[in-house]
């Protein structure tokens, strides 16, 4: 019985750690905004500290790229 409790506790801690990591990582990234012709017209980077920022125009035609990386 004691082994089961130890295993159960370890499993709960592992799941909480994984959930915390996923929650943190899921909001880091960049929205890329395109016009009707598919031309990039703006972006918004969030959760990436010194790389955070906005430029251009927000449109409804957008794509989310997850993770922090330098823009090319």
Protein backbone atom coordinates (compact mmCIF):
# COMPACT_ATOMS: atom_id res chain seq x y z
CA UNK A 1 0.00 0.00 0.00
CA UNK A 2 2.83 2.38 0.79
CA UNK A 3 4.40 1.82 -2.64
CA UNK A 4 1.10 2.68 -4.31
CA UNK A 5 0.83 5.96 -2.38
CA UNK A 6 4.39 6.91 -3.32
CA UNK A 7 3.72 6.09 -6.96
CA UNK A 8 0.43 8.00 -6.93
CA UNK A 9 2.07 11.05 -5.37
CA UNK A 10 4.90 10.96 -7.92
CA UNK A 11 2.37 10.69 -10.76
CA UNK A 12 0.38 13.66 -9.47
CA UNK A 13 3.53 15.79 -9.14
CA UNK A 14 4.62 14.83 -12.67
CA UNK A 15 1.22 15.71 -14.11
CA UNK A 16 1.16 19.06 -12.33
CA UNK A 17 4.65 19.88 -13.61
CA UNK A 18 3.70 18.95 -17.17
CA UNK A 19 0.49 20.99 -16.98
CA UNK A 20 2.38 23.98 -15.60
CA UNK A 21 4.98 23.77 -18.38
CA UNK A 22 2.31 23.49 -21.07
CA UNK A 23 0.35 26.43 -19.66
CA UNK A 24 3.48 28.57 -19.59
CA UNK A 25 4.65 27.60 -23.06
CA UNK A 26 1.26 27.86 -24.74
CA UNK A 27 1.01 31.64 -24.59
CA UNK A 28 4.52 32.43 -25.88
CA UNK A 29 4.60 33.21 -29.54
CA UNK A 30 3.72 35.54 -32.37
CA UNK A 31 0.51 36.38 -34.20
CA UNK A 32 1.25 37.11 -37.85
CA UNK A 33 -1.34 39.26 -39.65
CA UNK A 34 -1.91 39.06 -43.41
CA UNK A 35 -4.00 41.12 -45.80
CA UNK A 36 -6.55 39.60 -48.21
CA UNK A 37 -3.80 38.91 -50.76
CA UNK A 38 -1.61 37.02 -48.26
CA UNK A 39 0.95 39.77 -47.70
CA UNK A 40 2.33 40.08 -44.15
CA UNK A 41 1.08 43.41 -42.79
CA UNK A 42 1.75 43.10 -39.03
CA UNK A 43 2.70 40.97 -36.06
CA UNK A 44 2.33 40.78 -32.29
CA UNK A 45 4.85 38.88 -30.16
CA UNK A 46 3.91 38.11 -26.54
CA UNK A 47 5.47 36.21 -23.65
CA UNK A 48 9.00 36.49 -25.03
CA UNK A 49 10.31 39.32 -22.81
CA UNK A 50 12.66 41.55 -24.83
CA UNK A 51 11.20 40.32 -28.13
CA UNK A 52 7.63 41.39 -27.17
CA UNK A 53 6.06 44.01 -29.35
CA UNK A 54 3.69 44.91 -32.14
CA UNK A 55 4.05 46.43 -35.55
CA UNK A 56 1.80 46.97 -38.51
CA UNK A 57 -1.92 46.32 -38.81
CA UNK A 58 -4.10 43.70 -37.08
CA UNK A 59 -6.37 41.81 -39.47
CA UNK A 60 -8.74 38.88 -39.09
CA UNK A 61 -6.49 36.83 -41.41
CA UNK A 62 -3.91 35.70 -38.84
CA UNK A 63 -1.68 32.77 -37.92
CA UNK A 64 -0.18 31.96 -34.48
CA UNK A 65 3.40 30.69 -34.31
CA UNK A 66 4.20 29.22 -30.89
CA UNK A 67 7.51 29.69 -29.09
CA UNK A 68 10.06 32.44 -28.85
CA UNK A 69 12.48 32.86 -31.71
CA UNK A 70 14.19 35.74 -33.41
CA UNK A 71 12.35 37.11 -36.42
CA UNK A 72 13.96 36.52 -39.78
